[in-house]
Amino acid sequence: MSCTLENEVSDIVTKYDQGHLLTFYEGLSKDRKYELKQNIRFANIAEACEGFQRCLSAVPCKPENLRPIPSNSYMCRKDLTEDSLKTYRTAGIRAIASGKIAAIVLAGGQATRLGASVPKGALPLGMKLTEGDNLLSLQAAQIVKLQALAKEAYPGEAERTGGKILWLIMTSKPTRQATEECVAAIKVEHGLVDDQVVLFDQPTVPCFEKNGKILLSEKWALSSAPNGNGGLYSGIEGFLPLMKKKGIEYIHVYCVDNVLCRIADPYFLGAGIVRNADCAAKVVEKQEPREAVGVICQLADSGNYSVIEYSELSESLAAQLDDAGKKLAFRAGNIANHLFSMTFLERVVCGGIVLPYHQAEKKIPYVDLSSGEKKSPSTPNGIKMEKFIFDVFPFANHAQIARDFCN
């Protein structure tokens, strides 16, 4: 092994106080030594360790800086006129016919809590469907139906552009192969063309002990996990040129396990387009103060929007009622169902915006440094680092919040 690589690895573990990663180094085979060095070299330890430390020193948002969503940015379907709804749907359908719409599904999560060995999107639903009995197939069927509706409404534009919705599927290392196999079958079942379906991986980040030390999953490998749904922004970077080449102007982003989600909902698309929003979110109405859902609110100091997790909202704010005294003031429940303009997505990805990491305590299998044995803890023993997709909201210049537009 070159001295250059030896020195590089040594510098990394020394600078970030992670020398324990080399505990078993001398007893490894030549190939395993090389694997460990490469693992350390490409794990982006600098970003992970610095992010871990920033989490420790992060200051929670002050309660006095939080405001409910103002009415002029809060669309509720039942309050809209039929003319407004027609205008929104028309704009959405026309954008689909014009080939301006992409849909990104966040499908990097594993279905471990369901006891399944396949990714959530490929998990059989038991619905006895004639085609593809899984979530990804249901979503593909929606895309095909929307394309047909758009072609029927605007045949000329659909003929000129192809009228296809670009479907991007974010996977992770653990879910990539199974998702690829599932999507290959879906394309045949639903007649999706190859160049309208793109798979990409979200990045991974090392897992930590609570004391800031990175865990080993093997004597020669660092423990790592997908870096949360906010990994979308770095994961999609290499595909922005393709999206621009295809003329994409708006992107619908949603979670694979939202079975009620209306993919590229024309009403939602149209509302964002007509109102010139660079960022929009569908929400559900929070009913109870301690309901376990984060809420979108406005920051008093900047006027921008942010998502506050339910655990970070004080009891008094969570229970605060609106001016009418009938509903919760902070009731815009976030369900990770978003619309971004292409311009905004480019600014987030390429504009130097750095999203924070958030810590989540998890049960993480690890190699015991004293015995060298692999352990599977029964209680949370470590920290997974995650970025959240909604942390870009404060950077939006013109955001819209939509409720009761169907999930």
Protein backbone atom coordinates (compact mmCIF):
# COMPACT_ATOMS: atom_id res chain seq x y z
CA MET A 1 0.00 0.00 0.00
CA SER A 2 1.32 3.40 -0.91
CA CYS A 3 2.69 5.60 1.84
CA THR A 4 0.44 8.36 0.51
CA LEU A 5 -2.73 6.42 1.34
CA GLU A 6 -1.26 5.31 4.68
CA ASN A 7 -0.58 8.93 5.60
CA GLU A 8 -3.98 10.12 4.37
CA VAL A 9 -5.83 7.61 6.54
CA SER A 10 -3.60 8.33 9.53
CA ASP A 11 -4.22 12.06 9.18
CA ILE A 12 -8.00 11.57 9.02
CA VAL A 13 -8.33 9.38 12.12
CA THR A 14 -5.89 11.55 14.08
CA LYS A 15 -7.52 14.86 13.20
CA TYR A 16 -11.02 13.67 14.12
CA ASP A 17 -10.02 11.50 17.10
CA GLN A 18 -11.14 8.25 15.47
CA GLY A 19 -7.97 6.19 15.97
CA HIS A 20 -10.03 3.30 17.38
CA LEU A 21 -11.10 2.51 13.80
CA LEU A 22 -7.65 0.92 13.37
CA THR A 23 -7.97 -1.27 16.50
CA PHE A 24 -7.92 -4.54 14.53
CA TYR A 25 -5.78 -3.32 11.63
CA GLU A 26 -2.64 -5.36 12.33
CA GLY A 27 -4.59 -8.63 12.45
CA LEU A 28 -6.32 -8.13 9.10
CA SER A 29 -5.37 -9.71 5.79
CA LYS A 30 -3.78 -7.52 3.14
CA ASP A 31 -7.09 -7.23 1.27
CA ARG A 32 -9.04 -6.37 4.42
CA LYS A 33 -6.46 -3.73 5.36
CA TYR A 34 -6.94 -2.13 1.97
CA GLU A 35 -10.72 -2.31 2.35
CA LEU A 36 -10.61 -0.59 5.74
CA LYS A 37 -8.36 2.18 4.45
CA GLN A 38 -10.61 2.83 1.50
CA ASN A 39 -13.62 2.76 3.80
CA ILE A 40 -12.08 5.44 6.01
CA ARG A 41 -10.89 7.45 3.03
CA PHE A 42 -14.29 7.68 1.33
CA ALA A 43 -16.58 7.81 4.38
CA ASN A 44 -16.45 11.62 4.50
CA ILE A 45 -15.49 11.48 8.16
CA ALA A 46 -14.80 15.21 8.22
CA GLU A 47 -18.38 16.16 7.35
CA ALA A 48 -19.83 13.51 9.65
CA CYS A 49 -17.75 14.45 12.70
CA GLU A 50 -18.25 18.16 12.21
CA GLY A 51 -21.99 17.57 11.75
CA PHE A 52 -22.06 15.49 14.94
CA GLN A 53 -20.44 18.30 16.92
CA ARG A 54 -22.79 20.92 15.45
CA CYS A 55 -25.75 18.81 16.60
CA LEU A 56 -24.42 18.91 20.15
CA SER A 57 -24.15 22.69 20.11
CA ALA A 58 -27.35 23.37 18.15
CA VAL A 59 -29.68 25.88 19.77
CA PRO A 60 -33.39 24.97 19.58
CA CYS A 61 -35.66 27.48 17.89
CA LYS A 62 -36.96 29.95 20.47
CA PRO A 63 -40.73 29.68 21.06
CA GLU A 64 -41.16 33.42 20.63
CA ASN A 65 -39.77 33.13 17.09
CA LEU A 66 -42.51 30.74 15.94
CA ARG A 67 -45.73 31.87 14.26
CA PRO A 68 -48.60 29.89 12.70
CA ILE A 69 -48.85 29.85 8.90
CA PRO A 70 -50.40 33.14 7.68
CA SER A 71 -53.68 32.79 5.83
CA ASN A 72 -52.34 34.25 2.55
CA SER A 73 -49.92 31.33 2.18
CA TYR A 74 -52.29 28.63 3.40
CA MET A 75 -54.56 27.12 0.75
CA CYS A 76 -57.42 24.92 1.88
CA ARG A 77 -59.25 23.15 -0.93
CA LYS A 78 -62.73 23.59 0.55
CA ASP A 79 -62.20 27.36 0.63
CA LEU A 80 -61.25 27.64 -3.06
CA THR A 81 -63.77 28.49 -5.77
CA GLU A 82 -64.54 26.07 -8.58
CA ASP A 83 -62.92 28.52 -11.00
CA SER A 84 -59.70 28.51 -8.97
CA LEU A 85 -59.65 24.72 -8.82
CA LYS A 86 -60.23 24.51 -12.57
CA THR A 87 -57.42 26.99 -13.19
CA TYR A 88 -55.02 24.99 -11.04
CA ARG A 89 -55.91 21.65 -12.61
CA THR A 90 -55.61 23.05 -16.12
CA ALA A 91 -52.18 24.48 -15.38
CA GLY A 92 -51.04 21.17 -13.88
CA ILE A 93 -52.32 19.01 -16.73
CA ARG A 94 -50.80 21.33 -19.31
CA ALA A 95 -47.42 21.24 -17.56
CA ILE A 96 -47.52 17.43 -17.71
CA ALA A 97 -48.40 17.47 -21.41
CA SER A 98 -45.52 19.89 -21.98
CA GLY A 99 -43.01 17.54 -20.34
CA LYS A 100 -42.22 20.01 -17.56
CA ILE A 101 -42.90 17.75 -14.57
CA ALA A 102 -40.70 15.31 -12.67
CA ALA A 103 -41.63 13.17 -9.67
CA ILE A 104 -39.04 12.06 -7.14
CA VAL A 105 -39.91 9.21 -4.81
CA LEU A 106 -37.87 8.82 -1.62
CA ALA A 107 -37.40 5.05 -1.57
CA GLY A 108 -34.14 4.53 0.28
CA GLY A 109 -35.70 3.23 3.48
CA GLN A 110 -35.72 -0.42 4.49
CA ALA A 111 -38.85 -2.15 5.78
CA THR A 112 -37.07 -3.59 8.80
CA ARG A 113 -39.77 -2.50 11.26
CA LEU A 114 -42.25 -4.44 9.15
CA GLY A 115 -40.09 -7.53 9.37
CA ALA A 116 -39.64 -7.56 5.60
CA SER A 117 -36.54 -8.41 3.60
CA VAL A 118 -37.43 -6.19 0.64
CA PRO A 119 -37.59 -2.38 0.35
CA LYS A 120 -40.86 -0.64 1.26
CA GLY A 121 -41.65 0.18 -2.36
CA ALA A 122 -41.36 -3.46 -3.45
CA LEU A 123 -43.23 -4.96 -0.51
CA PRO A 124 -46.23 -7.06 -1.67
CA LEU A 125 -49.49 -5.47 -0.54
CA GLY A 126 -51.72 -8.52 -0.82
CA MET A 127 -54.32 -6.59 -2.82
CA LYS A 128 -54.52 -9.20 -5.61
CA LEU A 129 -53.99 -6.59 -8.31
CA THR A 130 -53.71 -7.62 -11.94
CA GLU A 131 -50.48 -5.64 -12.23
CA GLY A 132 -47.65 -5.09 -9.75
CA ASP A 133 -48.95 -5.60 -6.23
CA ASN A 134 -46.62 -3.06 -4.57
CA LEU A 135 -46.39 0.67 -3.84
CA LEU A 136 -44.03 1.53 -6.69
CA SER A 137 -46.33 -0.17 -9.17
CA LEU A 138 -49.35 1.76 -7.88
CA GLN A 139 -47.38 4.97 -8.32
CA ALA A 140 -46.32 4.02 -11.84
CA ALA A 141 -49.97 3.40 -12.71
CA GLN A 142 -50.81 6.93 -11.57
CA ILE A 143 -48.05 8.35 -13.76
CA VAL A 144 -49.31 6.48 -16.82
CA LYS A 145 -52.89 7.64 -16.18
CA LEU A 146 -51.82 11.27 -15.79
CA GLN A 147 -49.87 11.13 -19.04
CA ALA A 148 -52.96 9.81 -20.82
CA LEU A 149 -55.16 12.56 -19.35
CA ALA A 150 -52.63 15.22 -20.35
CA LYS A 151 -52.38 13.84 -23.88
CA GLU A 152 -56.16 13.83 -24.20
CA ALA A 153 -56.39 17.45 -23.02
CA TYR A 154 -53.39 18.79 -24.96
CA PRO A 155 -52.58 16.36 -27.78
CA GLY A 156 -50.43 18.83 -29.69
CA GLU A 157 -48.13 19.61 -26.79
CA ALA A 158 -47.92 15.98 -25.72
CA GLU A 159 -47.00 14.99 -29.27
CA ARG A 160 -44.34 17.70 -29.45
CA THR A 161 -42.67 16.94 -26.11
CA GLY A 162 -43.55 13.29 -25.55
CA GLY A 163 -45.73 14.28 -22.59
CA LYS A 164 -43.81 12.11 -20.13
CA ILE A 165 -43.40 12.59 -16.39
CA LEU A 166 -39.76 12.01 -15.48
CA TRP A 167 -39.74 9.57 -12.55
CA LEU A 168 -36.66 9.62 -10.34
CA ILE A 169 -36.35 6.98 -7.62
CA MET A 170 -33.98 7.60 -4.73
CA THR A 171 -32.62 4.36 -3.34
CA SER A 172 -29.83 3.54 -0.91
CA LYS A 173 -27.10 0.93 -0.90
CA PRO A 174 -29.24 -1.60 1.03
CA THR A 175 -32.28 -1.14 -1.23
CA ARG A 176 -30.72 -0.55 -4.66
CA GLN A 177 -30.65 -4.04 -6.15
CA ALA A 178 -34.14 -5.08 -5.04
CA THR A 179 -35.56 -1.74 -6.21
CA GLU A 180 -33.88 -2.10 -9.60
CA GLU A 181 -35.43 -5.54 -10.05
CA CYS A 182 -38.86 -4.26 -9.00
CA VAL A 183 -38.68 -1.24 -11.32
CA ALA A 184 -37.56 -3.37 -14.27
CA ALA A 185 -40.78 -5.38 -13.97
CA ILE A 186 -42.87 -2.24 -13.46
CA LYS A 187 -41.58 -0.65 -16.67
CA VAL A 188 -42.73 -3.69 -18.62
CA GLU A 189 -46.10 -3.91 -16.83
CA HIS A 190 -47.00 -0.25 -17.32
CA GLY A 191 -45.19 0.59 -20.54
CA LEU A 192 -42.83 3.17 -19.05
CA VAL A 193 -39.98 4.03 -21.39
CA ASP A 194 -36.40 3.60 -20.21
CA ASP A 195 -35.37 7.24 -20.39
CA GLN A 196 -38.20 8.45 -18.15
CA VAL A 197 -37.16 6.34 -15.15
CA VAL A 198 -33.95 7.15 -13.28
CA LEU A 199 -32.59 5.49 -10.15
CA PHE A 200 -30.04 7.24 -7.94
CA ASP A 201 -28.58 6.56 -4.51
CA GLN A 202 -28.74 8.78 -1.47
CA PRO A 203 -25.40 9.14 0.32
CA THR A 204 -24.51 7.23 3.47
CA VAL A 205 -22.92 8.63 6.62
CA PRO A 206 -21.04 6.90 9.47
CA CYS A 207 -22.93 5.87 12.61
CA PHE A 208 -21.65 7.04 15.98
CA GLU A 209 -21.55 6.00 19.58
CA LYS A 210 -23.11 8.58 21.86
CA ASN A 211 -19.60 9.77 22.77
CA GLY A 212 -18.82 10.72 19.17
CA LYS A 213 -16.79 7.65 18.22
CA ILE A 214 -17.65 6.02 14.89
CA LEU A 215 -18.87 2.43 15.18
CA LEU A 216 -17.39 -0.50 13.29
CA SER A 217 -19.78 -2.92 11.59
CA GLU A 218 -16.89 -5.29 10.85
CA LYS A 219 -13.26 -5.18 11.92
CA TRP A 220 -12.53 -3.75 8.49
CA ALA A 221 -15.67 -1.66 7.88
CA LEU A 222 -17.27 1.44 9.35
CA SER A 223 -20.92 1.27 10.35
CA SER A 224 -22.96 3.54 8.09
CA ALA A 225 -26.55 4.33 7.19
CA PRO A 226 -28.45 6.40 4.59
CA ASN A 227 -28.27 10.07 5.56
CA GLY A 228 -32.00 10.80 5.75
CA ASN A 229 -34.42 12.10 3.14
CA GLY A 230 -32.41 15.34 2.97
CA GLY A 231 -29.82 13.24 1.16
CA LEU A 232 -31.96 13.93 -1.88
CA TYR A 233 -30.13 17.17 -2.61
CA SER A 234 -26.61 15.76 -2.87
CA GLY A 235 -27.89 12.53 -4.42
CA ILE A 236 -29.70 14.31 -7.26
CA GLU A 237 -26.87 16.71 -8.14
CA GLY A 238 -25.46 14.60 -10.98
CA PHE A 239 -28.88 14.38 -12.65
CA LEU A 240 -29.70 18.09 -12.76
CA PRO A 241 -28.24 18.46 -16.30
CA LEU A 242 -30.53 15.64 -17.51
CA MET A 243 -33.55 17.29 -15.90
CA LYS A 244 -32.74 20.64 -17.48
CA LYS A 245 -32.18 19.01 -20.87
CA LYS A 246 -35.63 17.43 -20.66
CA GLY A 247 -37.17 20.82 -19.85
CA ILE A 248 -38.24 20.02 -16.29
CA GLU A 249 -39.59 23.07 -14.44
CA TYR A 250 -41.35 21.59 -11.39
CA ILE A 251 -40.60 18.56 -9.24
CA HIS A 252 -43.02 16.70 -6.97
CA VAL A 253 -41.23 14.93 -4.09
CA TYR A 254 -42.94 12.32 -1.92
CA CYS A 255 -42.27 9.28 0.27
CA VAL A 256 -42.63 5.80 -1.15
CA ASP A 257 -44.73 4.57 1.79
CA ASN A 258 -47.44 7.22 1.46
CA VAL A 259 -50.05 4.93 -0.07
CA LEU A 260 -52.56 7.80 -0.37
CA CYS A 261 -50.19 10.08 -2.25
CA ARG A 262 -51.44 11.50 -5.54
CA ILE A 263 -48.34 11.52 -7.70
CA ALA A 264 -47.89 14.81 -9.58
CA ASP A 265 -51.39 15.87 -8.49
CA PRO A 266 -52.48 18.40 -11.16
CA TYR A 267 -54.23 20.60 -8.57
CA PHE A 268 -51.11 20.78 -6.42
CA LEU A 269 -48.83 21.31 -9.42
CA GLY A 270 -51.11 23.99 -10.82
CA ALA A 271 -51.40 25.83 -7.51
CA GLY A 272 -47.62 26.05 -7.32
CA ILE A 273 -47.29 27.11 -10.95
CA VAL A 274 -50.06 29.72 -10.92
CA ARG A 275 -48.86 31.19 -7.62
CA ASN A 276 -45.24 31.16 -8.81
CA ALA A 277 -44.09 29.21 -5.76
CA ASP A 278 -40.50 28.06 -5.56
CA CYS A 279 -41.45 25.66 -2.78
CA ALA A 280 -44.80 24.20 -1.70
CA ALA A 281 -45.95 21.58 0.78
CA LYS A 282 -49.09 19.53 1.24
CA VAL A 283 -50.07 19.20 4.87
CA VAL A 284 -52.70 17.46 6.97
CA GLU A 285 -54.52 19.16 9.82
CA LYS A 286 -53.08 18.28 13.19
CA GLN A 287 -55.94 17.40 15.54
CA GLU A 288 -54.37 16.92 18.98
CA PRO A 289 -51.59 18.92 20.69
CA ARG A 290 -49.32 15.91 21.28
CA GLU A 291 -50.04 14.19 17.99
CA ALA A 292 -46.70 12.85 16.76
CA VAL A 293 -46.32 14.93 13.62
CA GLY A 294 -44.06 17.89 12.91
CA VAL A 295 -45.67 21.16 11.89
CA ILE A 296 -44.80 23.83 9.37
CA CYS A 297 -44.68 27.28 10.91
CA GLN A 298 -43.37 30.75 10.12
CA LEU A 299 -40.23 32.24 11.66
CA ALA A 300 -41.01 35.66 13.08
CA ASP A 301 -37.51 37.07 12.55
CA SER A 302 -37.25 36.25 8.84
CA GLY A 303 -40.81 35.55 7.69
CA ASN A 304 -39.58 32.28 6.18
CA TYR A 305 -41.03 28.83 6.84
CA SER A 306 -39.62 25.99 8.85
CA VAL A 307 -40.67 22.58 10.13
CA ILE A 308 -40.63 22.04 13.88
CA GLU A 309 -40.68 18.44 15.05
CA TYR A 310 -43.45 17.57 17.50
CA SER A 311 -40.86 16.80 20.19
CA GLU A 312 -39.40 20.31 19.83
CA LEU A 313 -42.72 22.16 20.15
CA SER A 314 -43.44 23.33 23.70
CA GLU A 315 -46.62 22.13 25.38
CA SER A 316 -48.06 25.64 25.42
CA LEU A 317 -47.46 26.23 21.70
CA ALA A 318 -48.68 22.75 20.80
CA ALA A 319 -51.96 23.45 22.62
CA GLN A 320 -52.35 27.06 21.44
CA LEU A 321 -55.61 27.70 19.57
CA ASP A 322 -56.21 29.92 16.56
CA ASP A 323 -58.00 33.27 16.77
CA ALA A 324 -61.39 31.59 16.47
CA GLY A 325 -60.53 29.36 19.41
CA LYS A 326 -61.65 26.21 17.60
CA LYS A 327 -58.54 24.69 16.03
CA LEU A 328 -54.87 24.36 16.90
CA ALA A 329 -52.89 27.39 15.80
CA PHE A 330 -49.94 25.19 14.81
CA ARG A 331 -51.85 22.59 12.82
CA ALA A 332 -50.05 22.34 9.46
CA GLY A 333 -48.90 18.73 9.85
CA ASN A 334 -45.90 17.95 7.65
CA ILE A 335 -46.13 14.70 5.63
CA ALA A 336 -43.06 15.08 3.37
CA ASN A 337 -45.12 15.85 0.27
CA HIS A 338 -43.45 18.75 -1.52
CA LEU A 339 -43.23 20.68 -4.76
CA PHE A 340 -40.06 22.48 -5.84
CA SER A 341 -39.39 24.67 -8.83
CA MET A 342 -36.36 23.61 -10.85
CA THR A 343 -34.81 27.01 -10.19
CA PHE A 344 -35.13 26.54 -6.43
CA LEU A 345 -33.81 22.96 -6.54
CA GLU A 346 -30.75 24.13 -8.46
CA ARG A 347 -30.15 26.89 -5.92
CA VAL A 348 -30.34 24.44 -3.04
CA VAL A 349 -28.08 21.85 -4.68
CA CYS A 350 -25.53 24.12 -6.30
CA GLY A 351 -25.75 27.33 -4.28
CA GLY A 352 -23.61 26.38 -1.31
CA ILE A 353 -26.53 25.77 1.06
CA VAL A 354 -25.41 23.40 3.84
CA LEU A 355 -28.19 21.54 5.61
CA PRO A 356 -27.75 20.54 9.26
CA TYR A 357 -27.58 16.99 10.52
CA HIS A 358 -30.07 15.73 13.09
CA GLN A 359 -29.33 12.93 15.53
CA ALA A 360 -31.53 9.87 15.98
CA GLU A 361 -30.82 7.30 18.69
CA LYS A 362 -30.99 3.80 17.24
CA LYS A 363 -30.07 0.19 17.94
CA ILE A 364 -26.97 -0.26 15.79
CA PRO A 365 -25.07 -3.58 15.49
CA TYR A 366 -21.36 -3.08 16.11
CA VAL A 367 -18.01 -4.74 16.74
CA ASP A 368 -16.94 -4.65 20.39
CA LEU A 369 -13.48 -3.07 20.51
CA SER A 370 -12.42 -5.14 23.54
CA SER A 371 -13.42 -8.61 22.37
CA GLY A 372 -13.72 -8.19 18.61
CA GLU A 373 -17.15 -9.80 18.76
CA LYS A 374 -20.16 -8.51 16.83
CA LYS A 375 -22.95 -7.31 19.09
CA SER A 376 -26.65 -6.67 18.43
CA PRO A 377 -27.93 -4.34 21.16
CA SER A 378 -31.46 -4.60 22.56
CA THR A 379 -31.64 -0.88 23.41
CA PRO A 380 -30.47 2.21 21.49
CA ASN A 381 -26.69 2.37 21.67
CA GLY A 382 -25.75 4.77 18.94
CA ILE A 383 -26.54 7.75 16.79
CA LYS A 384 -27.60 7.83 13.16
CA MET A 385 -27.07 11.16 11.44
CA GLU A 386 -29.88 12.39 9.20
CA LYS A 387 -30.59 15.37 7.02
CA PHE A 388 -34.21 16.39 6.54
CA ILE A 389 -35.70 17.39 3.21
CA PHE A 390 -37.71 20.20 4.79
CA ASP A 391 -34.65 22.06 6.08
CA VAL A 392 -34.55 23.94 2.77
CA PHE A 393 -37.82 25.73 3.54
CA PRO A 394 -36.16 28.74 5.22
CA PHE A 395 -34.30 29.41 1.94
CA ALA A 396 -37.47 29.66 -0.15
CA ASN A 397 -38.48 33.13 -1.31
CA HIS A 398 -42.09 32.23 -2.08
CA ALA A 399 -43.57 29.19 -0.33
CA GLN A 400 -47.13 27.89 -0.38
CA ILE A 401 -48.85 25.50 2.03
CA ALA A 402 -51.76 23.38 0.75
CA ARG A 403 -54.23 21.47 2.94
CA ASP A 404 -57.00 19.06 1.94
CA PHE A 405 -55.61 18.75 -1.58
CA CYS A 406 -55.62 15.02 -0.89
CA ASN A 407 -52.43 13.41 0.32
